[in-house]
Amino acid sequence: MKYLLDVNVLLAAVWPTHNHHADTFAWLADKQIAVCPICELGFLRISTNKKALGADMVTARRLLAKFCSDLQGERIHDDLPALDSHPGTSDQVTDHYLADLAAKHGLKLATLDEHLKHPSAELVR
């Protein structure tokens, strides 16, 4: 099985200071991974936000590129029309889109979000 990585998994895996880094990195050890532009953009946005991690853009981009290269991550297109995803609430829009996108590509969405209830989502433990 190949996994599309949610933004929270990317953040935990890439940043050693993240409280879920060790567990997430261990979970990823034998997994095939994929990323998409939405996940990459979310990673960059949160990594460089001064209220979050506050990294500089060059460092965040370099670390993301290295992580994807080291794990031989596949890049998939955000090719699911937004209206083909059916979230129930505004809080579910992106999570359900990513899970539906993963399903479209025959993947599972790897996430740290315990509240995401979707058949294509798998909790990273």
N, C-alpha and C. Protein backbone atom coordinates (compact mmCIF):
# COMPACT_ATOMS: atom_id res chain seq x y z
N MET A 1 0.85 -1.18 0.00
CA MET A 1 0.00 0.00 0.00
C MET A 1 0.89 1.24 0.00
N LYS A 2 0.48 2.21 -0.78
CA LYS A 2 1.17 3.49 -0.83
C LYS A 2 0.29 4.51 -0.11
N TYR A 3 0.94 5.49 0.54
CA TYR A 3 0.24 6.47 1.37
C TYR A 3 0.49 7.90 0.90
N LEU A 4 -0.59 8.64 0.72
CA LEU A 4 -0.51 10.07 0.54
C LEU A 4 -0.35 10.67 1.94
N LEU A 5 0.66 11.49 2.13
CA LEU A 5 0.94 12.02 3.46
C LEU A 5 0.19 13.33 3.70
N ASP A 6 -0.58 13.34 4.76
CA ASP A 6 -1.27 14.55 5.20
C ASP A 6 -0.23 15.57 5.66
N VAL A 7 -0.62 16.82 5.68
CA VAL A 7 0.29 17.89 6.11
C VAL A 7 0.84 17.60 7.50
N ASN A 8 -0.01 17.14 8.41
CA ASN A 8 0.46 16.89 9.78
C ASN A 8 1.52 15.78 9.83
N VAL A 9 1.42 14.80 8.96
CA VAL A 9 2.43 13.74 8.90
C VAL A 9 3.74 14.28 8.34
N LEU A 10 3.65 15.10 7.30
CA LEU A 10 4.86 15.73 6.75
C LEU A 10 5.57 16.56 7.81
N LEU A 11 4.82 17.37 8.53
CA LEU A 11 5.42 18.21 9.57
C LEU A 11 6.09 17.37 10.63
N ALA A 12 5.41 16.32 11.09
CA ALA A 12 5.97 15.47 12.15
C ALA A 12 7.20 14.71 11.66
N ALA A 13 7.18 14.26 10.43
CA ALA A 13 8.29 13.48 9.90
C ALA A 13 9.53 14.33 9.62
N VAL A 14 9.32 15.52 9.12
CA VAL A 14 10.44 16.35 8.68
C VAL A 14 11.11 17.10 9.83
N TRP A 15 10.32 17.60 10.77
CA TRP A 15 10.86 18.44 11.84
C TRP A 15 11.16 17.61 13.09
N PRO A 16 12.44 17.44 13.44
CA PRO A 16 12.82 16.64 14.61
C PRO A 16 12.27 17.17 15.93
N THR A 17 11.90 18.44 15.96
CA THR A 17 11.36 19.02 17.20
C THR A 17 9.86 18.74 17.39
N HIS A 18 9.22 18.17 16.38
CA HIS A 18 7.79 17.87 16.48
C HIS A 18 7.58 16.75 17.50
N ASN A 19 6.55 16.87 18.33
CA ASN A 19 6.34 15.88 19.39
C ASN A 19 5.99 14.48 18.88
N HIS A 20 5.61 14.34 17.62
CA HIS A 20 5.32 13.02 17.06
C HIS A 20 6.40 12.56 16.06
N HIS A 21 7.54 13.26 16.06
CA HIS A 21 8.58 12.96 15.07
C HIS A 21 9.04 11.50 15.11
N ALA A 22 9.47 11.03 16.24
CA ALA A 22 10.04 9.68 16.34
C ALA A 22 9.04 8.62 15.92
N ASP A 23 7.82 8.70 16.42
CA ASP A 23 6.80 7.70 16.08
C ASP A 23 6.43 7.77 14.60
N THR A 24 6.29 8.97 14.08
CA THR A 24 5.92 9.12 12.67
C THR A 24 7.03 8.62 11.76
N PHE A 25 8.27 8.99 12.07
CA PHE A 25 9.39 8.56 11.24
C PHE A 25 9.53 7.04 11.29
N ALA A 26 9.32 6.45 12.46
CA ALA A 26 9.37 4.99 12.57
C ALA A 26 8.26 4.34 11.75
N TRP A 27 7.05 4.91 11.79
CA TRP A 27 5.91 4.37 11.03
C TRP A 27 6.22 4.40 9.53
N LEU A 28 6.89 5.42 9.08
CA LEU A 28 7.19 5.59 7.66
C LEU A 28 8.29 4.66 7.14
N ALA A 29 9.01 4.01 8.03
CA ALA A 29 10.21 3.26 7.66
C ALA A 29 10.02 2.29 6.51
N ASP A 30 8.92 1.58 6.47
CA ASP A 30 8.73 0.57 5.42
C ASP A 30 7.59 0.92 4.48
N LYS A 31 7.22 2.19 4.44
CA LYS A 31 6.07 2.62 3.64
C LYS A 31 6.51 3.26 2.33
N GLN A 32 5.66 3.09 1.32
CA GLN A 32 5.79 3.83 0.08
C GLN A 32 4.93 5.07 0.24
N ILE A 33 5.46 6.23 -0.15
CA ILE A 33 4.74 7.48 0.10
C ILE A 33 4.48 8.26 -1.18
N ALA A 34 3.53 9.17 -1.06
CA ALA A 34 3.21 10.13 -2.11
C ALA A 34 2.88 11.46 -1.46
N VAL A 35 3.10 12.52 -2.20
CA VAL A 35 2.71 13.85 -1.78
C VAL A 35 1.98 14.51 -2.94
N CYS A 36 1.26 15.57 -2.63
CA CYS A 36 0.57 16.33 -3.67
C CYS A 36 0.80 17.81 -3.38
N PRO A 37 0.51 18.68 -4.34
CA PRO A 37 0.74 20.10 -4.12
C PRO A 37 0.04 20.67 -2.88
N ILE A 38 -1.16 20.24 -2.59
CA ILE A 38 -1.86 20.77 -1.41
C ILE A 38 -1.08 20.45 -0.14
N CYS A 39 -0.59 19.22 -0.02
CA CYS A 39 0.17 18.82 1.16
C CYS A 39 1.50 19.56 1.24
N GLU A 40 2.17 19.71 0.10
CA GLU A 40 3.44 20.43 0.09
C GLU A 40 3.24 21.90 0.46
N LEU A 41 2.21 22.52 -0.09
CA LEU A 41 1.94 23.92 0.23
C LEU A 41 1.58 24.10 1.70
N GLY A 42 0.79 23.18 2.23
CA GLY A 42 0.44 23.24 3.66
C GLY A 42 1.67 23.10 4.53
N PHE A 43 2.56 22.20 4.16
CA PHE A 43 3.81 22.04 4.90
C PHE A 43 4.60 23.33 4.90
N LEU A 44 4.75 23.93 3.72
CA LEU A 44 5.52 25.18 3.63
C LEU A 44 4.86 26.31 4.40
N ARG A 45 3.54 26.40 4.31
CA ARG A 45 2.81 27.48 4.99
C ARG A 45 3.00 27.37 6.50
N ILE A 46 2.81 26.20 7.06
CA ILE A 46 2.92 26.03 8.51
C ILE A 46 4.37 26.10 8.97
N SER A 47 5.27 25.50 8.22
CA SER A 47 6.69 25.51 8.60
C SER A 47 7.27 26.91 8.67
N THR A 48 6.80 27.80 7.80
CA THR A 48 7.37 29.15 7.74
C THR A 48 6.55 30.20 8.48
N ASN A 49 5.42 29.80 9.05
CA ASN A 49 4.59 30.74 9.79
C ASN A 49 5.26 31.05 11.12
N LYS A 50 5.45 32.32 11.40
CA LYS A 50 6.13 32.73 12.63
C LYS A 50 5.37 32.30 13.89
N LYS A 51 4.06 32.10 13.80
CA LYS A 51 3.28 31.64 14.94
C LYS A 51 3.33 30.12 15.11
N ALA A 52 3.90 29.44 14.12
CA ALA A 52 4.02 27.98 14.18
C ALA A 52 5.50 27.62 14.35
N LEU A 53 6.13 27.14 13.30
CA LEU A 53 7.53 26.73 13.40
C LEU A 53 8.51 27.85 13.12
N GLY A 54 8.13 28.81 12.29
CA GLY A 54 8.95 29.98 12.04
C GLY A 54 10.23 29.73 11.26
N ALA A 55 10.28 28.66 10.49
CA ALA A 55 11.47 28.39 9.69
C ALA A 55 11.52 29.35 8.50
N ASP A 56 12.70 29.51 7.94
CA ASP A 56 12.78 30.32 6.73
C ASP A 56 12.38 29.44 5.54
N MET A 57 11.91 30.07 4.47
CA MET A 57 11.38 29.36 3.32
C MET A 57 12.43 28.47 2.65
N VAL A 58 13.64 28.94 2.55
CA VAL A 58 14.69 28.15 1.89
C VAL A 58 14.93 26.85 2.65
N THR A 59 15.00 26.92 3.95
CA THR A 59 15.21 25.72 4.77
C THR A 59 14.03 24.77 4.67
N ALA A 60 12.82 25.29 4.77
CA ALA A 60 11.62 24.44 4.70
C ALA A 60 11.55 23.74 3.35
N ARG A 61 11.82 24.44 2.27
CA ARG A 61 11.78 23.83 0.93
C ARG A 61 12.87 22.77 0.79
N ARG A 62 14.05 23.07 1.29
CA ARG A 62 15.16 22.12 1.19
C ARG A 62 14.86 20.84 1.98
N LEU A 63 14.35 20.98 3.18
CA LEU A 63 14.05 19.81 4.01
C LEU A 63 12.92 18.96 3.41
N LEU A 64 11.92 19.62 2.86
CA LEU A 64 10.82 18.88 2.23
C LEU A 64 11.33 18.12 1.00
N ALA A 65 12.13 18.78 0.19
CA ALA A 65 12.69 18.13 -1.00
C ALA A 65 13.56 16.94 -0.62
N LYS A 66 14.39 17.11 0.40
CA LYS A 66 15.27 16.02 0.85
C LYS A 66 14.44 14.86 1.39
N PHE A 67 13.43 15.15 2.19
CA PHE A 67 12.57 14.10 2.75
C PHE A 67 11.92 13.30 1.62
N CYS A 68 11.33 13.99 0.66
CA CYS A 68 10.65 13.31 -0.45
C CYS A 68 11.64 12.50 -1.28
N SER A 69 12.82 13.03 -1.49
CA SER A 69 13.84 12.32 -2.25
C SER A 69 14.33 11.09 -1.48
N ASP A 70 14.64 11.26 -0.20
CA ASP A 70 15.14 10.15 0.61
C ASP A 70 14.15 8.99 0.69
N LEU A 71 12.85 9.32 0.77
CA LEU A 71 11.83 8.27 0.86
C LEU A 71 11.27 7.89 -0.51
N GLN A 72 11.86 8.43 -1.54
CA GLN A 72 11.45 8.16 -2.93
C GLN A 72 9.94 8.40 -3.10
N GLY A 73 9.51 9.55 -2.59
CA GLY A 73 8.10 9.91 -2.64
C GLY A 73 7.62 10.20 -4.05
N GLU A 74 6.48 9.68 -4.37
CA GLU A 74 5.82 9.95 -5.65
C GLU A 74 5.05 11.26 -5.51
N ARG A 75 4.97 12.01 -6.57
CA ARG A 75 4.14 13.23 -6.59
C ARG A 75 2.91 12.93 -7.42
N ILE A 76 1.75 13.13 -6.82
CA ILE A 76 0.51 12.95 -7.56
C ILE A 76 -0.12 14.31 -7.80
N HIS A 77 -0.96 14.38 -8.81
CA HIS A 77 -1.64 15.62 -9.15
C HIS A 77 -2.90 15.78 -8.31
N ASP A 78 -3.23 17.04 -8.01
CA ASP A 78 -4.52 17.36 -7.40
C ASP A 78 -5.54 17.37 -8.53
N ASP A 79 -5.92 16.19 -9.00
CA ASP A 79 -6.76 16.10 -10.17
C ASP A 79 -8.19 15.66 -9.87
N LEU A 80 -8.60 15.82 -8.64
CA LEU A 80 -9.98 15.53 -8.26
C LEU A 80 -10.73 16.87 -8.18
N PRO A 81 -11.77 17.04 -8.96
CA PRO A 81 -12.55 18.28 -8.83
C PRO A 81 -13.07 18.44 -7.40
N ALA A 82 -12.99 19.63 -6.88
CA ALA A 82 -13.39 19.88 -5.49
C ALA A 82 -14.81 19.42 -5.20
N LEU A 83 -15.70 19.57 -6.16
CA LEU A 83 -17.10 19.20 -5.92
C LEU A 83 -17.33 17.69 -5.98
N ASP A 84 -16.29 16.92 -6.32
CA ASP A 84 -16.39 15.47 -6.27
C ASP A 84 -16.05 14.91 -4.89
N SER A 85 -15.67 15.78 -3.98
CA SER A 85 -15.44 15.41 -2.59
C SER A 85 -16.64 15.91 -1.79
N HIS A 86 -17.04 15.14 -0.78
CA HIS A 86 -18.29 15.47 -0.08
C HIS A 86 -18.12 15.57 1.43
N PRO A 87 -17.46 16.64 1.89
CA PRO A 87 -17.34 16.84 3.34
C PRO A 87 -18.69 17.21 3.94
N GLY A 88 -18.84 16.93 5.22
CA GLY A 88 -20.08 17.28 5.90
C GLY A 88 -20.07 18.68 6.49
N THR A 89 -18.89 19.17 6.84
CA THR A 89 -18.77 20.49 7.46
C THR A 89 -17.57 21.23 6.87
N SER A 90 -17.48 22.52 7.16
CA SER A 90 -16.36 23.31 6.66
C SER A 90 -15.03 22.82 7.22
N ASP A 91 -15.02 22.28 8.42
CA ASP A 91 -13.79 21.77 9.02
C ASP A 91 -13.26 20.53 8.30
N GLN A 92 -14.10 19.88 7.52
CA GLN A 92 -13.71 18.64 6.85
C GLN A 92 -13.28 18.84 5.40
N VAL A 93 -13.38 20.04 4.88
CA VAL A 93 -13.17 20.26 3.45
C VAL A 93 -11.82 19.72 2.96
N THR A 94 -10.73 20.17 3.53
CA THR A 94 -9.42 19.76 3.04
C THR A 94 -9.13 18.31 3.37
N ASP A 95 -9.44 17.89 4.60
CA ASP A 95 -9.17 16.50 4.99
C ASP A 95 -9.90 15.51 4.11
N HIS A 96 -11.17 15.76 3.85
CA HIS A 96 -11.94 14.84 3.01
C HIS A 96 -11.48 14.90 1.56
N TYR A 97 -11.11 16.08 1.10
CA TYR A 97 -10.58 16.17 -0.26
C TYR A 97 -9.32 15.31 -0.39
N LEU A 98 -8.40 15.44 0.56
CA LEU A 98 -7.16 14.67 0.48
C LEU A 98 -7.43 13.17 0.57
N ALA A 99 -8.36 12.76 1.43
CA ALA A 99 -8.71 11.34 1.53
C ALA A 99 -9.35 10.85 0.23
N ASP A 100 -10.22 11.65 -0.35
CA ASP A 100 -10.85 11.29 -1.63
C ASP A 100 -9.81 11.26 -2.75
N LEU A 101 -8.88 12.21 -2.74
CA LEU A 101 -7.81 12.23 -3.73
C LEU A 101 -6.95 10.96 -3.60
N ALA A 102 -6.63 10.60 -2.37
CA ALA A 102 -5.85 9.38 -2.15
C ALA A 102 -6.59 8.18 -2.73
N ALA A 103 -7.88 8.08 -2.45
CA ALA A 103 -8.68 6.95 -2.95
C ALA A 103 -8.69 6.93 -4.47
N LYS A 104 -8.81 8.09 -5.09
CA LYS A 104 -8.82 8.16 -6.56
C LYS A 104 -7.55 7.57 -7.15
N HIS A 105 -6.44 7.73 -6.44
CA HIS A 105 -5.14 7.25 -6.92
C HIS A 105 -4.78 5.87 -6.35
N GLY A 106 -5.72 5.22 -5.68
CA GLY A 106 -5.47 3.90 -5.12
C GLY A 106 -4.57 3.91 -3.90
N LEU A 107 -4.58 5.04 -3.17
CA LEU A 107 -3.74 5.22 -1.99
C LEU A 107 -4.60 5.33 -0.74
N LYS A 108 -3.93 5.33 0.40
CA LYS A 108 -4.55 5.69 1.68
C LYS A 108 -3.97 7.05 2.09
N LEU A 109 -4.74 7.83 2.82
CA LEU A 109 -4.24 9.09 3.38
C LEU A 109 -3.69 8.79 4.76
N ALA A 110 -2.39 8.98 4.96
CA ALA A 110 -1.76 8.81 6.26
C ALA A 110 -1.92 10.13 7.02
N THR A 111 -2.51 10.07 8.21
CA THR A 111 -2.80 11.28 8.97
C THR A 111 -2.57 11.08 10.46
N LEU A 112 -2.34 12.16 11.15
CA LEU A 112 -2.28 12.15 12.62
C LEU A 112 -3.60 12.63 13.22
N ASP A 113 -4.54 12.97 12.37
CA ASP A 113 -5.83 13.51 12.79
C ASP A 113 -6.76 12.39 13.23
N GLU A 114 -6.90 12.22 14.54
CA GLU A 114 -7.75 11.16 15.10
C GLU A 114 -9.22 11.38 14.82
N HIS A 115 -9.61 12.58 14.45
CA HIS A 115 -11.02 12.89 14.22
C HIS A 115 -11.45 12.65 12.78
N LEU A 116 -10.51 12.38 11.90
CA LEU A 116 -10.85 12.17 10.50
C LEU A 116 -11.41 10.76 10.31
N LYS A 117 -12.68 10.73 10.03
CA LYS A 117 -13.38 9.46 9.78
C LYS A 117 -13.68 9.37 8.29
N HIS A 118 -12.87 8.61 7.59
CA HIS A 118 -13.01 8.45 6.15
C HIS A 118 -12.44 7.08 5.80
N PRO A 119 -13.09 6.34 4.92
CA PRO A 119 -12.60 4.99 4.59
C PRO A 119 -11.18 4.96 4.00
N SER A 120 -10.73 6.07 3.44
CA SER A 120 -9.39 6.10 2.84
C SER A 120 -8.33 6.67 3.78
N ALA A 121 -8.70 7.02 4.99
CA ALA A 121 -7.75 7.59 5.94
C ALA A 121 -7.23 6.51 6.89
N GLU A 122 -5.94 6.58 7.16
CA GLU A 122 -5.31 5.67 8.13
C GLU A 122 -4.53 6.49 9.13
N LEU A 123 -4.77 6.23 10.38
CA LEU A 123 -4.10 6.94 11.47
C LEU A 123 -2.67 6.43 11.63
N VAL A 124 -1.72 7.35 11.66
CA VAL A 124 -0.33 7.01 11.90
C VAL A 124 -0.14 6.85 13.40
N ARG A 125 0.36 5.71 13.79
CA ARG A 125 0.54 5.43 15.24
C ARG A 125 1.97 5.07 15.52
